[in-house]
Amino acid sequence: MTGPAPSPSLPVSRTLFSQLETRLNSLEATRAQLEALFRGGSLAQDALDNAYVGLYVTMCVEFEGFLENLFLSLLLDGAGVVQTGVAPTVVVGSQEVVKAMVIGPGKDYADWLPYDRTEQKANIFFQSGKPFTNVSGDQKGYVKEIMYLRNALAHSSEYSRRVFLDKVIQQRPLSNAERTPIGFLRVRISNGRTIYQEHRLRLLNIANTLTT
């Protein structure tokens, strides 16, 4: 994937951030509507659970797509106003060449997560790996937790469930229902937000770090 042309005075990175924010806000609006239907008795528990799985996995896919679009766009000559502090080691004038160079010839996509895969690529194609090495240790820890949860939702294997329990749930004082991947998404934390909402904000915070 490659990003679209930015607004005349807006760095391509901020255009991509705005697009990600819009998409995740749309997913959040859908989640809120479904919760309202469930509370009103118009939506069954199973339907709500299935919707949460789809929404969360889609949110993760959108974030990974954002990483790819940002990475490729920053290497593309003429993509837009250059982001401050970003110095590609090579700049290419063709979207097809950029994609083949980073992802590999004939391949449709690359794995950008876990996040260290993005950093490894960044250290090759950008001086000091920036902006991708600007992500803090805490932020990378958030991405790991989000990926453990995504994997547990997308793959109903005993291994993914065990990793979720060991790496995410740990010793948290939760009910049996809340210790499941789907139940965990609806747990409310101290700030009143659900885990789903908190993870959405964390992904947007990381995207903002990458584009400012």
C-alpha atoms as a PDB file:
ATOM      1  CA  MET A   1       0.000   0.000   0.000  1.00  0.00           C
ATOM      2  CA  THR A   2       1.091   3.556  -0.613  1.00  0.00           C
ATOM      3  CA  GLY A   3      -0.407   6.718   0.704  1.00  0.00           C
ATOM      4  CA  PRO A   4      -2.398   9.321  -1.196  1.00  0.00           C
ATOM      5  CA  ALA A   5      -1.150  12.775  -2.031  1.00  0.00           C
ATOM      6  CA  PRO A   6      -1.321  15.123   0.969  1.00  0.00           C
ATOM      7  CA  SER A   7      -2.951  18.519   1.157  1.00  0.00           C
ATOM      8  CA  PRO A   8      -0.770  21.252  -0.393  1.00  0.00           C
ATOM      9  CA  SER A   9       0.780  22.440   2.910  1.00  0.00           C
ATOM     10  CA  LEU A  10       0.342  19.293   4.983  1.00  0.00           C
ATOM     11  CA  PRO A  11       3.059  16.641   5.363  1.00  0.00           C
ATOM     12  CA  VAL A  12       2.007  13.294   3.962  1.00  0.00           C
ATOM     13  CA  SER A  13       2.485  11.827   7.419  1.00  0.00           C
ATOM     14  CA  ARG A  14      -0.201  14.054   8.961  1.00  0.00           C
ATOM     15  CA  THR A  15      -2.582  13.262   6.120  1.00  0.00           C
ATOM     16  CA  LEU A  16      -2.136   9.570   6.868  1.00  0.00           C
ATOM     17  CA  PHE A  17      -2.636  10.161  10.583  1.00  0.00           C
ATOM     18  CA  SER A  18      -5.888  12.021   9.919  1.00  0.00           C
ATOM     19  CA  GLN A  19      -7.124   9.172   7.743  1.00  0.00           C
ATOM     20  CA  LEU A  20      -6.306   6.596  10.420  1.00  0.00           C
ATOM     21  CA  GLU A  21      -8.027   8.706  13.060  1.00  0.00           C
ATOM     22  CA  THR A  22     -11.149   8.985  10.897  1.00  0.00           C
ATOM     23  CA  ARG A  23     -11.277   5.228  10.335  1.00  0.00           C
ATOM     24  CA  LEU A  24     -10.782   4.356  14.002  1.00  0.00           C
ATOM     25  CA  ASN A  25     -13.367   6.954  15.010  1.00  0.00           C
ATOM     26  CA  SER A  26     -15.821   5.310  12.627  1.00  0.00           C
ATOM     27  CA  LEU A  27     -15.155   1.913  14.205  1.00  0.00           C
ATOM     28  CA  GLU A  28     -15.669   3.433  17.657  1.00  0.00           C
ATOM     29  CA  ALA A  29     -18.987   4.970  16.592  1.00  0.00           C
ATOM     30  CA  THR A  30     -20.120   1.551  15.361  1.00  0.00           C
ATOM     31  CA  ARG A  31     -19.047  -0.044  18.650  1.00  0.00           C
ATOM     32  CA  ALA A  32     -21.010   2.529  20.664  1.00  0.00           C
ATOM     33  CA  GLN A  33     -24.121   1.958  18.548  1.00  0.00           C
ATOM     34  CA  LEU A  34     -23.883  -1.804  19.022  1.00  0.00           C
ATOM     35  CA  GLU A  35     -23.490  -1.409  22.776  1.00  0.00           C
ATOM     36  CA  ALA A  36     -26.609   0.763  22.847  1.00  0.00           C
ATOM     37  CA  LEU A  37     -28.560  -1.867  20.907  1.00  0.00           C
ATOM     38  CA  PHE A  38     -27.338  -4.561  23.303  1.00  0.00           C
ATOM     39  CA  ARG A  39     -28.330  -2.570  26.377  1.00  0.00           C
ATOM     40  CA  GLY A  40     -31.747  -1.963  24.827  1.00  0.00           C
ATOM     41  CA  GLY A  41     -32.290  -5.654  24.227  1.00  0.00           C
ATOM     42  CA  SER A  42     -32.184  -5.393  20.439  1.00  0.00           C
ATOM     43  CA  LEU A  43     -28.878  -7.238  20.004  1.00  0.00           C
ATOM     44  CA  ALA A  44     -27.966 -10.678  21.314  1.00  0.00           C
ATOM     45  CA  GLN A  45     -24.780 -11.312  23.312  1.00  0.00           C
ATOM     46  CA  ASP A  46     -23.333 -13.584  20.617  1.00  0.00           C
ATOM     47  CA  ALA A  47     -23.882 -10.943  17.956  1.00  0.00           C
ATOM     48  CA  LEU A  48     -22.208  -8.298  20.105  1.00  0.00           C
ATOM     49  CA  ASP A  49     -19.264 -10.610  20.796  1.00  0.00           C
ATOM     50  CA  ASN A  50     -18.777 -11.321  17.100  1.00  0.00           C
ATOM     51  CA  ALA A  51     -18.957  -7.621  16.324  1.00  0.00           C
ATOM     52  CA  TYR A  52     -16.270  -6.847  18.893  1.00  0.00           C
ATOM     53  CA  VAL A  53     -13.950  -9.395  17.313  1.00  0.00           C
ATOM     54  CA  GLY A  54     -14.457  -7.872  13.874  1.00  0.00           C
ATOM     55  CA  LEU A  55     -14.044  -4.307  15.097  1.00  0.00           C
ATOM     56  CA  TYR A  56     -10.873  -5.022  17.044  1.00  0.00           C
ATOM     57  CA  VAL A  57      -9.195  -7.028  14.302  1.00  0.00           C
ATOM     58  CA  THR A  58     -10.132  -4.325  11.778  1.00  0.00           C
ATOM     59  CA  MET A  59      -8.638  -1.665  14.053  1.00  0.00           C
ATOM     60  CA  CYS A  60      -5.359  -3.581  14.140  1.00  0.00           C
ATOM     61  CA  VAL A  61      -5.380  -4.054  10.369  1.00  0.00           C
ATOM     62  CA  GLU A  62      -5.923  -0.305   9.904  1.00  0.00           C
ATOM     63  CA  PHE A  63      -2.968   0.476  12.157  1.00  0.00           C
ATOM     64  CA  GLU A  64      -0.690  -1.943  10.349  1.00  0.00           C
ATOM     65  CA  GLY A  65      -1.805  -0.452   7.030  1.00  0.00           C
ATOM     66  CA  PHE A  66      -0.993   2.996   8.412  1.00  0.00           C
ATOM     67  CA  LEU A  67       2.550   1.848   9.249  1.00  0.00           C
ATOM     68  CA  GLU A  68       3.060   0.543   5.728  1.00  0.00           C
ATOM     69  CA  ASN A  69       1.605   3.622   4.047  1.00  0.00           C
ATOM     70  CA  LEU A  70       3.693   5.951   6.188  1.00  0.00           C
ATOM     71  CA  PHE A  71       6.891   3.997   5.623  1.00  0.00           C
ATOM     72  CA  LEU A  72       6.501   3.793   1.855  1.00  0.00           C
ATOM     73  CA  SER A  73       5.246   7.354   1.447  1.00  0.00           C
ATOM     74  CA  LEU A  74       8.221   8.837   3.297  1.00  0.00           C
ATOM     75  CA  LEU A  75      10.530   7.152   0.787  1.00  0.00           C
ATOM     76  CA  LEU A  76       8.591   8.382  -2.222  1.00  0.00           C
ATOM     77  CA  ASP A  77      10.040  11.423  -3.959  1.00  0.00           C
ATOM     78  CA  GLY A  78       7.420  14.140  -4.364  1.00  0.00           C
ATOM     79  CA  ALA A  79       5.007  12.562  -1.874  1.00  0.00           C
ATOM     80  CA  GLY A  80       4.589  15.852  -0.063  1.00  0.00           C
ATOM     81  CA  VAL A  81       6.160  18.151   2.492  1.00  0.00           C
ATOM     82  CA  VAL A  82       8.973  16.253   4.199  1.00  0.00           C
ATOM     83  CA  GLN A  83       8.423  15.430   7.858  1.00  0.00           C
ATOM     84  CA  THR A  84      10.827  17.279  10.157  1.00  0.00           C
ATOM     85  CA  GLY A  85      13.681  15.105  11.383  1.00  0.00           C
ATOM     86  CA  VAL A  86      13.124  12.381   8.790  1.00  0.00           C
ATOM     87  CA  ALA A  87      16.004  11.620   6.442  1.00  0.00           C
ATOM     88  CA  PRO A  88      15.548   8.628   4.116  1.00  0.00           C
ATOM     89  CA  THR A  89      18.753   6.879   3.067  1.00  0.00           C
ATOM     90  CA  VAL A  90      17.232   6.548  -0.395  1.00  0.00           C
ATOM     91  CA  VAL A  91      14.400   8.387  -2.169  1.00  0.00           C
ATOM     92  CA  VAL A  92      12.597   6.764  -5.072  1.00  0.00           C
ATOM     93  CA  GLY A  93      10.314   8.329  -7.670  1.00  0.00           C
ATOM     94  CA  SER A  94       8.068   5.350  -8.338  1.00  0.00           C
ATOM     95  CA  GLN A  95       5.468   3.766  -6.032  1.00  0.00           C
ATOM     96  CA  GLU A  96       6.066   0.377  -7.631  1.00  0.00           C
ATOM     97  CA  VAL A  97       9.828   0.580  -7.058  1.00  0.00           C
ATOM     98  CA  VAL A  98       9.414   1.736  -3.450  1.00  0.00           C
ATOM     99  CA  LYS A  99       7.058  -1.163  -2.703  1.00  0.00           C
ATOM    100  CA  ALA A 100       9.307  -3.726  -4.375  1.00  0.00           C
ATOM    101  CA  MET A 101      12.346  -2.356  -2.545  1.00  0.00           C
ATOM    102  CA  VAL A 102      10.789  -2.449   0.941  1.00  0.00           C
ATOM    103  CA  ILE A 103       8.321  -5.332   0.709  1.00  0.00           C
ATOM    104  CA  GLY A 104      10.104  -7.424  -1.887  1.00  0.00           C
ATOM    105  CA  PRO A 105       9.546  -8.018  -5.613  1.00  0.00           C
ATOM    106  CA  GLY A 106       6.288  -9.783  -6.365  1.00  0.00           C
ATOM    107  CA  LYS A 107       5.026  -9.568  -2.779  1.00  0.00           C
ATOM    108  CA  ASP A 108       1.742  -7.873  -1.905  1.00  0.00           C
ATOM    109  CA  TYR A 109       2.433  -7.043   1.719  1.00  0.00           C
ATOM    110  CA  ALA A 110       5.013  -7.129   4.513  1.00  0.00           C
ATOM    111  CA  ASP A 111       4.660  -7.883   8.198  1.00  0.00           C
ATOM    112  CA  TRP A 112       5.006  -4.646  10.174  1.00  0.00           C
ATOM    113  CA  LEU A 113       4.093  -6.139  13.522  1.00  0.00           C
ATOM    114  CA  PRO A 114       5.424  -7.042  16.029  1.00  0.00           C
ATOM    115  CA  TYR A 115       6.818  -3.514  16.010  1.00  0.00           C
ATOM    116  CA  ASP A 116      10.468  -4.573  16.005  1.00  0.00           C
ATOM    117  CA  ARG A 117       9.942  -5.646  12.372  1.00  0.00           C
ATOM    118  CA  THR A 118       9.090  -2.059  11.493  1.00  0.00           C
ATOM    119  CA  GLU A 119      12.146  -0.794  13.386  1.00  0.00           C
ATOM    120  CA  GLN A 120      14.425  -3.244  11.608  1.00  0.00           C
ATOM    121  CA  LYS A 121      13.261  -1.959   8.235  1.00  0.00           C
ATOM    122  CA  ALA A 122      13.456   1.654   9.422  1.00  0.00           C
ATOM    123  CA  ASN A 123      17.092   1.310  10.443  1.00  0.00           C
ATOM    124  CA  ILE A 124      17.896   0.307   6.868  1.00  0.00           C
ATOM    125  CA  PHE A 125      15.902   2.949   5.000  1.00  0.00           C
ATOM    126  CA  PHE A 126      16.022   5.979   7.339  1.00  0.00           C
ATOM    127  CA  GLN A 127      18.856   7.713   9.157  1.00  0.00           C
ATOM    128  CA  SER A 128      18.712   6.620  12.825  1.00  0.00           C
ATOM    129  CA  GLY A 129      15.493   4.796  11.881  1.00  0.00           C
ATOM    130  CA  LYS A 130      13.443   7.966  12.417  1.00  0.00           C
ATOM    131  CA  PRO A 131      10.529   8.513  12.764  1.00  0.00           C
ATOM    132  CA  PHE A 132       9.908   4.840  13.541  1.00  0.00           C
ATOM    133  CA  THR A 133      12.496   4.684  16.323  1.00  0.00           C
ATOM    134  CA  ASN A 134      10.771   7.604  18.065  1.00  0.00           C
ATOM    135  CA  VAL A 135       8.260   5.164  19.567  1.00  0.00           C
ATOM    136  CA  SER A 136       8.976   4.718  23.279  1.00  0.00           C
ATOM    137  CA  GLY A 137       9.498   1.456  25.117  1.00  0.00           C
ATOM    138  CA  ASP A 138       6.133   1.846  26.821  1.00  0.00           C
ATOM    139  CA  GLN A 139       4.419   2.399  23.481  1.00  0.00           C
ATOM    140  CA  LYS A 140       6.048  -0.708  22.018  1.00  0.00           C
ATOM    141  CA  GLY A 141       4.828  -2.599  25.068  1.00  0.00           C
ATOM    142  CA  TYR A 142       1.280  -1.434  24.318  1.00  0.00           C
ATOM    143  CA  VAL A 143       1.588  -2.727  20.750  1.00  0.00           C
ATOM    144  CA  LYS A 144       2.722  -6.115  22.046  1.00  0.00           C
ATOM    145  CA  GLU A 145      -0.293  -6.343  24.346  1.00  0.00           C
ATOM    146  CA  ILE A 146      -2.617  -5.339  21.530  1.00  0.00           C
ATOM    147  CA  MET A 147      -1.099  -7.957  19.233  1.00  0.00           C
ATOM    148  CA  TYR A 148      -1.432 -10.696  21.876  1.00  0.00           C
ATOM    149  CA  LEU A 149      -5.106  -9.822  22.198  1.00  0.00           C
ATOM    150  CA  ARG A 150      -5.644  -9.610  18.449  1.00  0.00           C
ATOM    151  CA  ASN A 151      -4.060 -13.031  17.955  1.00  0.00           C
ATOM    152  CA  ALA A 152      -6.241 -14.555  20.672  1.00  0.00           C
ATOM    153  CA  LEU A 153      -9.335 -13.140  18.965  1.00  0.00           C
ATOM    154  CA  ALA A 154      -8.342 -14.095  15.422  1.00  0.00           C
ATOM    155  CA  HIS A 155      -6.937 -17.558  16.185  1.00  0.00           C
ATOM    156  CA  SER A 156      -8.856 -19.826  18.536  1.00  0.00           C
ATOM    157  CA  SER A 157      -5.813 -21.970  19.305  1.00  0.00           C
ATOM    158  CA  GLU A 158      -4.793 -23.086  22.762  1.00  0.00           C
ATOM    159  CA  TYR A 159      -1.391 -21.464  22.243  1.00  0.00           C
ATOM    160  CA  SER A 160      -2.777 -17.994  21.455  1.00  0.00           C
ATOM    161  CA  ARG A 161      -5.147 -18.247  24.405  1.00  0.00           C
ATOM    162  CA  ARG A 162      -2.339 -19.256  26.748  1.00  0.00           C
ATOM    163  CA  VAL A 163      -0.145 -16.382  25.555  1.00  0.00           C
ATOM    164  CA  PHE A 164      -3.058 -13.988  26.083  1.00  0.00           C
ATOM    165  CA  LEU A 165      -3.545 -15.210  29.651  1.00  0.00           C
ATOM    166  CA  ASP A 166       0.188 -15.133  30.448  1.00  0.00           C
ATOM    167  CA  LYS A 167       1.095 -11.841  28.780  1.00  0.00           C
ATOM    168  CA  VAL A 168      -2.094  -9.771  29.048  1.00  0.00           C
ATOM    169  CA  ILE A 169      -4.353 -11.039  31.818  1.00  0.00           C
ATOM    170  CA  GLN A 170      -1.587 -12.100  34.222  1.00  0.00           C
ATOM    171  CA  GLN A 171      -2.829 -11.555  37.791  1.00  0.00           C
ATOM    172  CA  ARG A 172      -5.504  -8.957  37.036  1.00  0.00           C
ATOM    173  CA  PRO A 173      -8.528  -9.304  39.329  1.00  0.00           C
ATOM    174  CA  LEU A 174     -11.109 -10.164  36.681  1.00  0.00           C
ATOM    175  CA  SER A 175     -14.136 -12.427  36.505  1.00  0.00           C
ATOM    176  CA  ASN A 176     -14.000 -15.604  34.443  1.00  0.00           C
ATOM    177  CA  ALA A 177     -15.969 -13.914  31.650  1.00  0.00           C
ATOM    178  CA  GLU A 178     -13.588 -10.933  31.643  1.00  0.00           C
ATOM    179  CA  ARG A 179     -10.577 -13.240  31.386  1.00  0.00           C
ATOM    180  CA  THR A 180     -11.653 -14.295  27.888  1.00  0.00           C
ATOM    181  CA  PRO A 181     -10.357 -12.274  24.898  1.00  0.00           C
ATOM    182  CA  ILE A 182     -13.847 -10.989  23.998  1.00  0.00           C
ATOM    183  CA  GLY A 183     -14.850 -10.307  27.590  1.00  0.00           C
ATOM    184  CA  PHE A 184     -11.590  -8.453  28.216  1.00  0.00           C
ATOM    185  CA  LEU A 185     -12.381  -5.955  25.440  1.00  0.00           C
ATOM    186  CA  ARG A 186     -15.429  -4.735  27.367  1.00  0.00           C
ATOM    187  CA  VAL A 187     -13.691  -4.417  30.757  1.00  0.00           C
ATOM    188  CA  ARG A 188     -13.800  -0.851  32.068  1.00  0.00           C
ATOM    189  CA  ILE A 189     -10.608   0.529  33.573  1.00  0.00           C
ATOM    190  CA  SER A 190     -10.133   3.308  36.138  1.00  0.00           C
ATOM    191  CA  ASN A 191     -10.665   6.140  33.636  1.00  0.00           C
ATOM    192  CA  GLY A 192     -14.073   4.724  32.672  1.00  0.00           C
ATOM    193  CA  ARG A 193     -13.005   3.617  29.195  1.00  0.00           C
ATOM    194  CA  THR A 194     -13.248   0.044  28.004  1.00  0.00           C
ATOM    195  CA  ILE A 195     -10.107  -1.858  27.039  1.00  0.00           C
ATOM    196  CA  TYR A 196     -11.217  -1.537  23.405  1.00  0.00           C
ATOM    197  CA  GLN A 197     -11.424   2.246  23.721  1.00  0.00           C
ATOM    198  CA  GLU A 198      -8.110   2.436  25.560  1.00  0.00           C
ATOM    199  CA  HIS A 199      -6.322   0.419  22.895  1.00  0.00           C
ATOM    200  CA  ARG A 200      -7.770   2.625  20.173  1.00  0.00           C
ATOM    201  CA  LEU A 201      -6.363   5.702  21.920  1.00  0.00           C
ATOM    202  CA  ARG A 202      -2.987   4.042  22.411  1.00  0.00           C
ATOM    203  CA  LEU A 203      -2.702   3.218  18.716  1.00  0.00           C
ATOM    204  CA  LEU A 204      -3.606   6.784  17.794  1.00  0.00           C
ATOM    205  CA  ASN A 205      -1.046   8.070  20.288  1.00  0.00           C
ATOM    206  CA  ILE A 206       1.653   5.962  18.637  1.00  0.00           C
ATOM    207  CA  ALA A 207       0.555   7.144  15.183  1.00  0.00           C
ATOM    208  CA  ASN A 208       0.762  10.724  16.409  1.00  0.00           C
ATOM    209  CA  THR A 209       4.282  10.131  17.733  1.00  0.00           C
ATOM    210  CA  LEU A 210       5.296   8.811  14.323  1.00  0.00           C
ATOM    211  CA  THR A 211       3.911  11.788  12.423  1.00  0.00           C
ATOM    212  CA  THR A 212       4.944  14.824  14.522  1.00  0.00           C
END
